[in-house]
Amino acid sequence: MKNKKTDKNIIEFATGYHFNLKTKETFYQNQKLKLTKKESLFLKLLLLNMGQVVTFEQATNYIWNKEELITENNLRTLVWRLRNKLKTDIIKNNQGIGYFIEA
């Protein structure tokens, strides 16, 4: 699965999926998926760092306000919800370090 960029604002990933960087919307077979703001931010972060592990700290700093007290469990719950909505197991876990999407 290659990261194809047909348009600089579109990132294609997995089979049939694409993410619009400008609108922060995710589509599967051209149908818009209903993701929360935090789910979209996390997916965007993973896609922009495709093939690299995004650490728990990087993810929590990117998604949540620094004033909020966030645990790794908050992130795990977010990942679990996102995985269920994507219906494909593209989000991989690097145990104890973070998450990634293979390039």
PDB file of N, CA and C in Angstrom:
ATOM      1  N   MET A   1       0.825  -1.177   0.000  1.00  0.00           N
ATOM      2  CA  MET A   1       0.000   0.000   0.000  1.00  0.00           C
ATOM      3  C   MET A   1       0.870   1.240   0.000  1.00  0.00           C
ATOM      4  N   LYS A   2       0.907   1.885  -1.082  1.00  0.00           N
ATOM      5  CA  LYS A   2       1.719   3.101  -1.194  1.00  0.00           C
ATOM      6  C   LYS A   2       0.894   4.316  -0.839  1.00  0.00           C
ATOM      7  N   ASN A   3       1.590   5.305  -0.338  1.00  0.00           N
ATOM      8  CA  ASN A   3       0.971   6.584  -0.024  1.00  0.00           C
ATOM      9  C   ASN A   3       0.939   7.392  -1.319  1.00  0.00           C
ATOM     10  N   LYS A   4      -0.218   7.370  -1.993  1.00  0.00           N
ATOM     11  CA  LYS A   4      -0.337   8.082  -3.263  1.00  0.00           C
ATOM     12  C   LYS A   4      -0.924   9.457  -3.012  1.00  0.00           C
ATOM     13  N   LYS A   5      -0.329  10.441  -3.592  1.00  0.00           N
ATOM     14  CA  LYS A   5      -0.866  11.792  -3.468  1.00  0.00           C
ATOM     15  C   LYS A   5      -1.252  12.276  -4.856  1.00  0.00           C
ATOM     16  N   THR A   6      -2.521  12.098  -5.198  1.00  0.00           N
ATOM     17  CA  THR A   6      -3.001  12.552  -6.490  1.00  0.00           C
ATOM     18  C   THR A   6      -3.203  14.062  -6.468  1.00  0.00           C
ATOM     19  N   ASP A   7      -3.530  14.567  -5.326  1.00  0.00           N
ATOM     20  CA  ASP A   7      -3.741  15.985  -5.087  1.00  0.00           C
ATOM     21  C   ASP A   7      -2.986  16.241  -3.796  1.00  0.00           C
ATOM     22  N   LYS A   8      -2.332  17.381  -3.696  1.00  0.00           N
ATOM     23  CA  LYS A   8      -1.484  17.611  -2.516  1.00  0.00           C
ATOM     24  C   LYS A   8      -2.266  17.622  -1.211  1.00  0.00           C
ATOM     25  N   ASN A   9      -3.594  17.774  -1.281  1.00  0.00           N
ATOM     26  CA  ASN A   9      -4.421  17.771  -0.076  1.00  0.00           C
ATOM     27  C   ASN A   9      -5.061  16.418   0.219  1.00  0.00           C
ATOM     28  N   ILE A  10      -4.828  15.425  -0.639  1.00  0.00           N
ATOM     29  CA  ILE A  10      -5.441  14.105  -0.482  1.00  0.00           C
ATOM     30  C   ILE A  10      -4.350  13.069  -0.216  1.00  0.00           C
ATOM     31  N   ILE A  11      -4.554  12.286   0.855  1.00  0.00           N
ATOM     32  CA  ILE A  11      -3.648  11.175   1.138  1.00  0.00           C
ATOM     33  C   ILE A  11      -4.464   9.897   1.024  1.00  0.00           C
ATOM     34  N   GLU A  12      -4.072   9.031   0.099  1.00  0.00           N
ATOM     35  CA  GLU A  12      -4.723   7.737  -0.047  1.00  0.00           C
ATOM     36  C   GLU A  12      -4.001   6.750   0.844  1.00  0.00           C
ATOM     37  N   PHE A  13      -4.771   5.915   1.538  1.00  0.00           N
ATOM     38  CA  PHE A  13      -4.183   4.910   2.411  1.00  0.00           C
ATOM     39  C   PHE A  13      -5.093   3.697   2.455  1.00  0.00           C
ATOM     40  N   ALA A  14      -4.516   2.566   2.804  1.00  0.00           N
ATOM     41  CA  ALA A  14      -5.242   1.301   2.798  1.00  0.00           C
ATOM     42  C   ALA A  14      -5.965   1.153   1.457  1.00  0.00           C
ATOM     43  N   THR A  15      -6.909   0.251   1.366  1.00  0.00           N
ATOM     44  CA  THR A  15      -7.622   0.044   0.113  1.00  0.00           C
ATOM     45  C   THR A  15      -8.949   0.780   0.167  1.00  0.00           C
ATOM     46  N   GLY A  16      -9.093   1.761  -0.699  1.00  0.00           N
ATOM     47  CA  GLY A  16     -10.350   2.493  -0.797  1.00  0.00           C
ATOM     48  C   GLY A  16     -10.491   3.684   0.125  1.00  0.00           C
ATOM     49  N   TYR A  17      -9.472   3.988   0.915  1.00  0.00           N
ATOM     50  CA  TYR A  17      -9.543   5.096   1.866  1.00  0.00           C
ATOM     51  C   TYR A  17      -8.763   6.299   1.349  1.00  0.00           C
ATOM     52  N   HIS A  18      -9.251   7.490   1.695  1.00  0.00           N
ATOM     53  CA  HIS A  18      -8.444   8.696   1.496  1.00  0.00           C
ATOM     54  C   HIS A  18      -8.827   9.739   2.548  1.00  0.00           C
ATOM     55  N   PHE A  19      -7.853  10.591   2.837  1.00  0.00           N
ATOM     56  CA  PHE A  19      -8.003  11.641   3.848  1.00  0.00           C
ATOM     57  C   PHE A  19      -7.729  12.971   3.180  1.00  0.00           C
ATOM     58  N   ASN A  20      -8.639  13.921   3.391  1.00  0.00           N
ATOM     59  CA  ASN A  20      -8.479  15.254   2.832  1.00  0.00           C
ATOM     60  C   ASN A  20      -7.854  16.139   3.908  1.00  0.00           C
ATOM     61  N   LEU A  21      -6.610  16.564   3.688  1.00  0.00           N
ATOM     62  CA  LEU A  21      -5.896  17.390   4.662  1.00  0.00           C
ATOM     63  C   LEU A  21      -6.562  18.749   4.875  1.00  0.00           C
ATOM     64  N   LYS A  22      -7.134  19.272   3.822  1.00  0.00           N
ATOM     65  CA  LYS A  22      -7.737  20.610   3.903  1.00  0.00           C
ATOM     66  C   LYS A  22      -9.008  20.591   4.764  1.00  0.00           C
ATOM     67  N   THR A  23      -9.877  19.614   4.519  1.00  0.00           N
ATOM     68  CA  THR A  23     -11.154  19.553   5.243  1.00  0.00           C
ATOM     69  C   THR A  23     -11.088  18.639   6.464  1.00  0.00           C
ATOM     70  N   LYS A  24      -9.987  17.887   6.598  1.00  0.00           N
ATOM     71  CA  LYS A  24      -9.803  16.910   7.690  1.00  0.00           C
ATOM     72  C   LYS A  24     -10.913  15.867   7.690  1.00  0.00           C
ATOM     73  N   GLU A  25     -11.317  15.441   6.487  1.00  0.00           N
ATOM     74  CA  GLU A  25     -12.370  14.434   6.352  1.00  0.00           C
ATOM     75  C   GLU A  25     -11.771  13.140   5.805  1.00  0.00           C
ATOM     76  N   THR A  26     -12.347  12.035   6.257  1.00  0.00           N
ATOM     77  CA  THR A  26     -11.902  10.710   5.841  1.00  0.00           C
ATOM     78  C   THR A  26     -13.008  10.065   5.018  1.00  0.00           C
ATOM     79  N   PHE A  27     -12.607   9.415   3.929  1.00  0.00           N
ATOM     80  CA  PHE A  27     -13.574   8.767   3.044  1.00  0.00           C
ATOM     81  C   PHE A  27     -13.192   7.312   2.820  1.00  0.00           C
ATOM     82  N   TYR A  28     -14.196   6.465   2.732  1.00  0.00           N
ATOM     83  CA  TYR A  28     -14.003   5.066   2.347  1.00  0.00           C
ATOM     84  C   TYR A  28     -14.909   4.816   1.154  1.00  0.00           C
ATOM     85  N   GLN A  29     -14.319   4.408   0.039  1.00  0.00           N
ATOM     86  CA  GLN A  29     -15.042   4.215  -1.224  1.00  0.00           C
ATOM     87  C   GLN A  29     -15.941   5.422  -1.513  1.00  0.00           C
ATOM     88  N   ASN A  30     -15.334   6.599  -1.368  1.00  0.00           N
ATOM     89  CA  ASN A  30     -15.971   7.891  -1.627  1.00  0.00           C
ATOM     90  C   ASN A  30     -17.154   8.220  -0.718  1.00  0.00           C
ATOM     91  N   GLN A  31     -17.340   7.441   0.351  1.00  0.00           N
ATOM     92  CA  GLN A  31     -18.356   7.750   1.361  1.00  0.00           C
ATOM     93  C   GLN A  31     -17.657   8.371   2.564  1.00  0.00           C
ATOM     94  N   LYS A  32     -18.134   9.526   3.003  1.00  0.00           N
ATOM     95  CA  LYS A  32     -17.528  10.210   4.145  1.00  0.00           C
ATOM     96  C   LYS A  32     -17.780   9.419   5.426  1.00  0.00           C
ATOM     97  N   LEU A  33     -16.699   9.211   6.190  1.00  0.00           N
ATOM     98  CA  LEU A  33     -16.826   8.530   7.476  1.00  0.00           C
ATOM     99  C   LEU A  33     -17.079   9.571   8.556  1.00  0.00           C
ATOM    100  N   LYS A  34     -17.879   9.210   9.533  1.00  0.00           N
ATOM    101  CA  LYS A  34     -18.194  10.124  10.624  1.00  0.00           C
ATOM    102  C   LYS A  34     -17.174   9.914  11.743  1.00  0.00           C
ATOM    103  N   LEU A  35     -16.165  10.774  11.777  1.00  0.00           N
ATOM    104  CA  LEU A  35     -15.131  10.712  12.812  1.00  0.00           C
ATOM    105  C   LEU A  35     -15.227  11.955  13.691  1.00  0.00           C
ATOM    106  N   THR A  36     -14.841  11.789  14.946  1.00  0.00           N
ATOM    107  CA  THR A  36     -14.809  12.947  15.837  1.00  0.00           C
ATOM    108  C   THR A  36     -13.599  13.805  15.479  1.00  0.00           C
ATOM    109  N   LYS A  37     -13.560  15.006  16.032  1.00  0.00           N
ATOM    110  CA  LYS A  37     -12.437  15.915  15.785  1.00  0.00           C
ATOM    111  C   LYS A  37     -11.118  15.274  16.232  1.00  0.00           C
ATOM    112  N   LYS A  38     -11.117  14.660  17.401  1.00  0.00           N
ATOM    113  CA  LYS A  38      -9.903  14.039  17.929  1.00  0.00           C
ATOM    114  C   LYS A  38      -9.481  12.825  17.090  1.00  0.00           C
ATOM    115  N   GLU A  39     -10.443  12.031  16.636  1.00  0.00           N
ATOM    116  CA  GLU A  39     -10.134  10.880  15.773  1.00  0.00           C
ATOM    117  C   GLU A  39      -9.503  11.364  14.467  1.00  0.00           C
ATOM    118  N   SER A  40     -10.067  12.422  13.892  1.00  0.00           N
ATOM    119  CA  SER A  40      -9.516  12.976  12.644  1.00  0.00           C
ATOM    120  C   SER A  40      -8.112  13.532  12.853  1.00  0.00           C
ATOM    121  N   LEU A  41      -7.895  14.216  13.976  1.00  0.00           N
ATOM    122  CA  LEU A  41      -6.562  14.749  14.269  1.00  0.00           C
ATOM    123  C   LEU A  41      -5.536  13.622  14.407  1.00  0.00           C
ATOM    124  N   PHE A  42      -5.913  12.564  15.105  1.00  0.00           N
ATOM    125  CA  PHE A  42      -4.997  11.445  15.303  1.00  0.00           C
ATOM    126  C   PHE A  42      -4.676  10.768  13.971  1.00  0.00           C
ATOM    127  N   LEU A  43      -5.705  10.542  13.157  1.00  0.00           N
ATOM    128  CA  LEU A  43      -5.489   9.915  11.852  1.00  0.00           C
ATOM    129  C   LEU A  43      -4.594  10.798  10.985  1.00  0.00           C
ATOM    130  N   LYS A  44      -4.830  12.098  10.999  1.00  0.00           N
ATOM    131  CA  LYS A  44      -3.999  13.037  10.238  1.00  0.00           C
ATOM    132  C   LYS A  44      -2.545  12.941  10.688  1.00  0.00           C
ATOM    133  N   LEU A  45      -2.322  12.925  12.003  1.00  0.00           N
ATOM    134  CA  LEU A  45      -0.964  12.822  12.540  1.00  0.00           C
ATOM    135  C   LEU A  45      -0.283  11.532  12.074  1.00  0.00           C
ATOM    136  N   LEU A  46      -1.013  10.426  12.121  1.00  0.00           N
ATOM    137  CA  LEU A  46      -0.441   9.145  11.670  1.00  0.00           C
ATOM    138  C   LEU A  46      -0.128   9.172  10.174  1.00  0.00           C
ATOM    139  N   LEU A  47      -1.024   9.742   9.389  1.00  0.00           N
ATOM    140  CA  LEU A  47      -0.819   9.786   7.936  1.00  0.00           C
ATOM    141  C   LEU A  47       0.334  10.701   7.546  1.00  0.00           C
ATOM    142  N   LEU A  48       0.490  11.813   8.251  1.00  0.00           N
ATOM    143  CA  LEU A  48       1.604  12.718   7.958  1.00  0.00           C
ATOM    144  C   LEU A  48       2.944  12.108   8.364  1.00  0.00           C
ATOM    145  N   ASN A  49       2.909  11.122   9.253  1.00  0.00           N
ATOM    146  CA  ASN A  49       4.123  10.430   9.703  1.00  0.00           C
ATOM    147  C   ASN A  49       4.095   8.966   9.297  1.00  0.00           C
ATOM    148  N   MET A  50       3.474   8.675   8.151  1.00  0.00           N
ATOM    149  CA  MET A  50       3.303   7.301   7.701  1.00  0.00           C
ATOM    150  C   MET A  50       4.638   6.563   7.665  1.00  0.00           C
ATOM    151  N   GLY A  51       4.650   5.355   8.246  1.00  0.00           N
ATOM    152  CA  GLY A  51       5.860   4.546   8.271  1.00  0.00           C
ATOM    153  C   GLY A  51       6.733   4.827   9.486  1.00  0.00           C
ATOM    154  N   GLN A  52       6.371   5.830  10.270  1.00  0.00           N
ATOM    155  CA  GLN A  52       7.132   6.178  11.477  1.00  0.00           C
ATOM    156  C   GLN A  52       6.220   6.060  12.688  1.00  0.00           C
ATOM    157  N   VAL A  53       6.796   5.683  13.811  1.00  0.00           N
ATOM    158  CA  VAL A  53       6.018   5.560  15.040  1.00  0.00           C
ATOM    159  C   VAL A  53       5.759   6.946  15.628  1.00  0.00           C
ATOM    160  N   VAL A  54       4.508   7.201  15.937  1.00  0.00           N
ATOM    161  CA  VAL A  54       4.106   8.423  16.632  1.00  0.00           C
ATOM    162  C   VAL A  54       3.998   8.035  18.102  1.00  0.00           C
ATOM    163  N   THR A  55       4.798   8.663  18.944  1.00  0.00           N
ATOM    164  CA  THR A  55       4.825   8.298  20.358  1.00  0.00           C
ATOM    165  C   THR A  55       3.548   8.757  21.062  1.00  0.00           C
ATOM    166  N   PHE A  56       3.303   8.156  22.226  1.00  0.00           N
ATOM    167  CA  PHE A  56       2.147   8.563  23.029  1.00  0.00           C
ATOM    168  C   PHE A  56       2.214  10.055  23.321  1.00  0.00           C
ATOM    169  N   GLU A  57       3.404  10.538  23.665  1.00  0.00           N
ATOM    170  CA  GLU A  57       3.582  11.950  24.002  1.00  0.00           C
ATOM    171  C   GLU A  57       3.286  12.851  22.800  1.00  0.00           C
ATOM    172  N   GLN A  58       3.803  12.480  21.628  1.00  0.00           N
ATOM    173  CA  GLN A  58       3.541  13.273  20.421  1.00  0.00           C
ATOM    174  C   GLN A  58       2.038  13.332  20.148  1.00  0.00           C
ATOM    175  N   ALA A  59       1.389  12.187  20.257  1.00  0.00           N
ATOM    176  CA  ALA A  59      -0.052  12.112  19.954  1.00  0.00           C
ATOM    177  C   ALA A  59      -0.868  12.933  20.949  1.00  0.00           C
ATOM    178  N   THR A  60      -0.587  12.785  22.235  1.00  0.00           N
ATOM    179  CA  THR A  60      -1.377  13.521  23.226  1.00  0.00           C
ATOM    180  C   THR A  60      -1.142  15.024  23.118  1.00  0.00           C
ATOM    181  N   ASN A  61       0.089  15.432  22.834  1.00  0.00           N
ATOM    182  CA  ASN A  61       0.374  16.865  22.664  1.00  0.00           C
ATOM    183  C   ASN A  61      -0.338  17.434  21.440  1.00  0.00           C
ATOM    184  N   TYR A  62      -0.458  16.636  20.381  1.00  0.00           N
ATOM    185  CA  TYR A  62      -1.076  17.089  19.137  1.00  0.00           C
ATOM    186  C   TYR A  62      -2.605  17.149  19.261  1.00  0.00           C
ATOM    187  N   ILE A  63      -3.169  16.196  19.972  1.00  0.00           N
ATOM    188  CA  ILE A  63      -4.625  16.052  20.013  1.00  0.00           C
ATOM    189  C   ILE A  63      -5.282  16.837  21.144  1.00  0.00           C
ATOM    190  N   TRP A  64      -4.669  16.784  22.310  1.00  0.00           N
ATOM    191  CA  TRP A  64      -5.288  17.399  23.477  1.00  0.00           C
ATOM    192  C   TRP A  64      -4.580  18.672  23.890  1.00  0.00           C
ATOM    193  N   ASN A  65      -5.327  19.526  24.547  1.00  0.00           N
ATOM    194  CA  ASN A  65      -4.786  20.731  25.144  1.00  0.00           C
ATOM    195  C   ASN A  65      -3.763  20.335  26.203  1.00  0.00           C
ATOM    196  N   LYS A  66      -2.656  21.004  26.260  1.00  0.00           N
ATOM    197  CA  LYS A  66      -1.607  20.660  27.221  1.00  0.00           C
ATOM    198  C   LYS A  66      -2.067  20.818  28.667  1.00  0.00           C
ATOM    199  N   GLU A  67      -3.108  21.627  28.907  1.00  0.00           N
ATOM    200  CA  GLU A  67      -3.599  21.818  30.264  1.00  0.00           C
ATOM    201  C   GLU A  67      -4.398  20.614  30.766  1.00  0.00           C
ATOM    202  N   GLU A  68      -4.930  19.822  29.834  1.00  0.00           N
ATOM    203  CA  GLU A  68      -5.736  18.663  30.217  1.00  0.00           C
ATOM    204  C   GLU A  68      -4.835  17.532  30.710  1.00  0.00           C
ATOM    205  N   LEU A  69      -5.317  16.812  31.726  1.00  0.00           N
ATOM    206  CA  LEU A  69      -4.583  15.656  32.227  1.00  0.00           C
ATOM    207  C   LEU A  69      -5.011  14.443  31.405  1.00  0.00           C
ATOM    208  N   ILE A  70      -4.097  13.955  30.587  1.00  0.00           N
ATOM    209  CA  ILE A  70      -4.400  12.857  29.669  1.00  0.00           C
ATOM    210  C   ILE A  70      -3.519  11.665  30.016  1.00  0.00           C
ATOM    211  N   THR A  71      -4.117  10.479  29.976  1.00  0.00           N
ATOM    212  CA  THR A  71      -3.352   9.258  30.221  1.00  0.00           C
ATOM    213  C   THR A  71      -3.244   8.480  28.914  1.00  0.00           C
ATOM    214  N   GLU A  72      -2.370   7.478  28.920  1.00  0.00           N
ATOM    215  CA  GLU A  72      -2.253   6.616  27.736  1.00  0.00           C
ATOM    216  C   GLU A  72      -3.567   5.898  27.489  1.00  0.00           C
ATOM    217  N   ASN A  73      -4.342   5.704  28.543  1.00  0.00           N
ATOM    218  CA  ASN A  73      -5.632   5.039  28.404  1.00  0.00           C
ATOM    219  C   ASN A  73      -6.597   5.871  27.551  1.00  0.00           C
ATOM    220  N   ASN A  74      -6.542   7.205  27.688  1.00  0.00           N
ATOM    221  CA  ASN A  74      -7.368   8.082  26.837  1.00  0.00           C
ATOM    222  C   ASN A  74      -7.030   7.842  25.367  1.00  0.00           C
ATOM    223  N   LEU A  75      -5.733   7.755  25.078  1.00  0.00           N
ATOM    224  CA  LEU A  75      -5.294   7.546  23.699  1.00  0.00           C
ATOM    225  C   LEU A  75      -5.694   6.158  23.211  1.00  0.00           C
ATOM    226  N   ARG A  76      -5.533   5.146  24.064  1.00  0.00           N
ATOM    227  CA  ARG A  76      -5.926   3.773  23.682  1.00  0.00           C
ATOM    228  C   ARG A  76      -7.412   3.707  23.337  1.00  0.00           C
ATOM    229  N   THR A  77      -8.236   4.404  24.120  1.00  0.00           N
ATOM    230  CA  THR A  77      -9.678   4.423  23.855  1.00  0.00           C
ATOM    231  C   THR A  77      -9.960   5.098  22.513  1.00  0.00           C
ATOM    232  N   LEU A  78      -9.276   6.193  22.246  1.00  0.00           N
ATOM    233  CA  LEU A  78      -9.423   6.900  20.975  1.00  0.00           C
ATOM    234  C   LEU A  78      -9.038   5.985  19.805  1.00  0.00           C
ATOM    235  N   VAL A  79      -7.927   5.276  19.947  1.00  0.00           N
ATOM    236  CA  VAL A  79      -7.461   4.365  18.898  1.00  0.00           C
ATOM    237  C   VAL A  79      -8.473   3.237  18.694  1.00  0.00           C
ATOM    238  N   TRP A  80      -9.001   2.706  19.784  1.00  0.00           N
ATOM    239  CA  TRP A  80      -9.978   1.622  19.702  1.00  0.00           C
ATOM    240  C   TRP A  80     -11.216   2.076  18.922  1.00  0.00           C
ATOM    241  N   ARG A  81     -11.728   3.290  19.247  1.00  0.00           N
ATOM    242  CA  ARG A  81     -12.901   3.821  18.543  1.00  0.00           C
ATOM    243  C   ARG A  81     -12.604   4.034  17.059  1.00  0.00           C
ATOM    244  N   LEU A  82     -11.421   4.589  16.769  1.00  0.00           N
ATOM    245  CA  LEU A  82     -11.045   4.856  15.377  1.00  0.00           C
ATOM    246  C   LEU A  82     -10.895   3.562  14.591  1.00  0.00           C
ATOM    247  N   ARG A  83     -10.252   2.569  15.193  1.00  0.00           N
ATOM    248  CA  ARG A  83     -10.104   1.264  14.516  1.00  0.00           C
ATOM    249  C   ARG A  83     -11.464   0.671  14.169  1.00  0.00           C
ATOM    250  N   ASN A  84     -12.423   0.785  15.067  1.00  0.00           N
ATOM    251  CA  ASN A  84     -13.762   0.256  14.808  1.00  0.00           C
ATOM    252  C   ASN A  84     -14.449   0.977  13.658  1.00  0.00           C
ATOM    253  N   LYS A  85     -14.225   2.260  13.528  1.00  0.00           N
ATOM    254  CA  LYS A  85     -14.854   3.033  12.454  1.00  0.00           C
ATOM    255  C   LYS A  85     -14.188   2.789  11.109  1.00  0.00           C
ATOM    256  N   LEU A  86     -12.875   2.495  11.107  1.00  0.00           N
ATOM    257  CA  LEU A  86     -12.162   2.297   9.848  1.00  0.00           C
ATOM    258  C   LEU A  86     -12.404   0.913   9.254  1.00  0.00           C
ATOM    259  N   LYS A  87     -12.776  -0.049  10.059  1.00  0.00           N
ATOM    260  CA  LYS A  87     -13.075  -1.405   9.581  1.00  0.00           C
ATOM    261  C   LYS A  87     -11.903  -2.086   8.888  1.00  0.00           C
ATOM    262  N   THR A  88     -10.709  -1.591   9.112  1.00  0.00           N
ATOM    263  CA  THR A  88      -9.515  -2.228   8.590  1.00  0.00           C
ATOM    264  C   THR A  88      -8.425  -2.005   9.619  1.00  0.00           C
ATOM    265  N   ASP A  89      -7.543  -2.974   9.765  1.00  0.00           N
ATOM    266  CA  ASP A  89      -6.541  -2.898  10.824  1.00  0.00           C
ATOM    267  C   ASP A  89      -5.261  -2.244  10.315  1.00  0.00           C
ATOM    268  N   ILE A  90      -5.332  -0.946  10.006  1.00  0.00           N
ATOM    269  CA  ILE A  90      -4.152  -0.269   9.474  1.00  0.00           C
ATOM    270  C   ILE A  90      -3.339   0.424  10.553  1.00  0.00           C
ATOM    271  N   ILE A  91      -3.977   0.683  11.702  1.00  0.00           N
ATOM    272  CA  ILE A  91      -3.258   1.346  12.797  1.00  0.00           C
ATOM    273  C   ILE A  91      -2.546   0.279  13.609  1.00  0.00           C
ATOM    274  N   LYS A  92      -1.230   0.324  13.556  1.00  0.00           N
ATOM    275  CA  LYS A  92      -0.397  -0.668  14.252  1.00  0.00           C
ATOM    276  C   LYS A  92       0.132  -0.071  15.552  1.00  0.00           C
ATOM    277  N   ASN A  93       0.410  -0.957  16.505  1.00  0.00           N
ATOM    278  CA  ASN A  93       0.912  -0.540  17.804  1.00  0.00           C
ATOM    279  C   ASN A  93       2.346  -1.003  17.961  1.00  0.00           C
ATOM    280  N   ASN A  94       3.225  -0.106  18.376  1.00  0.00           N
ATOM    281  CA  ASN A  94       4.595  -0.464  18.740  1.00  0.00           C
ATOM    282  C   ASN A  94       4.591  -0.453  20.265  1.00  0.00           C
ATOM    283  N   GLN A  95       4.472  -1.641  20.850  1.00  0.00           N
ATOM    284  CA  GLN A  95       4.225  -1.815  22.281  1.00  0.00           C
ATOM    285  C   GLN A  95       5.053  -0.887  23.161  1.00  0.00           C
ATOM    286  N   GLY A  96       4.351  -0.103  23.972  1.00  0.00           N
ATOM    287  CA  GLY A  96       5.009   0.782  24.927  1.00  0.00           C
ATOM    288  C   GLY A  96       5.589   2.066  24.350  1.00  0.00           C
ATOM    289  N   ILE A  97       5.511   2.222  23.018  1.00  0.00           N
ATOM    290  CA  ILE A  97       6.105   3.408  22.385  1.00  0.00           C
ATOM    291  C   ILE A  97       5.037   4.283  21.735  1.00  0.00           C
ATOM    292  N   GLY A  98       4.216   3.697  20.861  1.00  0.00           N
ATOM    293  CA  GLY A  98       3.196   4.494  20.182  1.00  0.00           C
ATOM    294  C   GLY A  98       2.522   3.737  19.059  1.00  0.00           C
ATOM    295  N   TYR A  99       2.016   4.467  18.085  1.00  0.00           N
ATOM    296  CA  TYR A  99       1.235   3.902  16.973  1.00  0.00           C
ATOM    297  C   TYR A  99       1.794   4.358  15.639  1.00  0.00           C
ATOM    298  N   PHE A 100       1.474   3.587  14.599  1.00  0.00           N
ATOM    299  CA  PHE A 100       1.917   3.951  13.251  1.00  0.00           C
ATOM    300  C   PHE A 100       1.027   3.309  12.210  1.00  0.00           C
ATOM    301  N   ILE A 101       1.107   3.844  11.003  1.00  0.00           N
ATOM    302  CA  ILE A 101       0.496   3.250   9.819  1.00  0.00           C
ATOM    303  C   ILE A 101       1.649   2.920   8.892  1.00  0.00           C
ATOM    304  N   GLU A 102       1.681   1.660   8.420  1.00  0.00           N
ATOM    305  CA  GLU A 102       2.781   1.255   7.539  1.00  0.00           C
ATOM    306  C   GLU A 102       2.710   2.004   6.219  1.00  0.00           C
ATOM    307  N   ALA A 103       3.885   2.364   5.716  1.00  0.00           N
ATOM    308  CA  ALA A 103       3.960   3.086   4.436  1.00  0.00           C
ATOM    309  C   ALA A 103       3.718   2.131   3.285  1.00  0.00           C
TER     310      ALA A 103
END
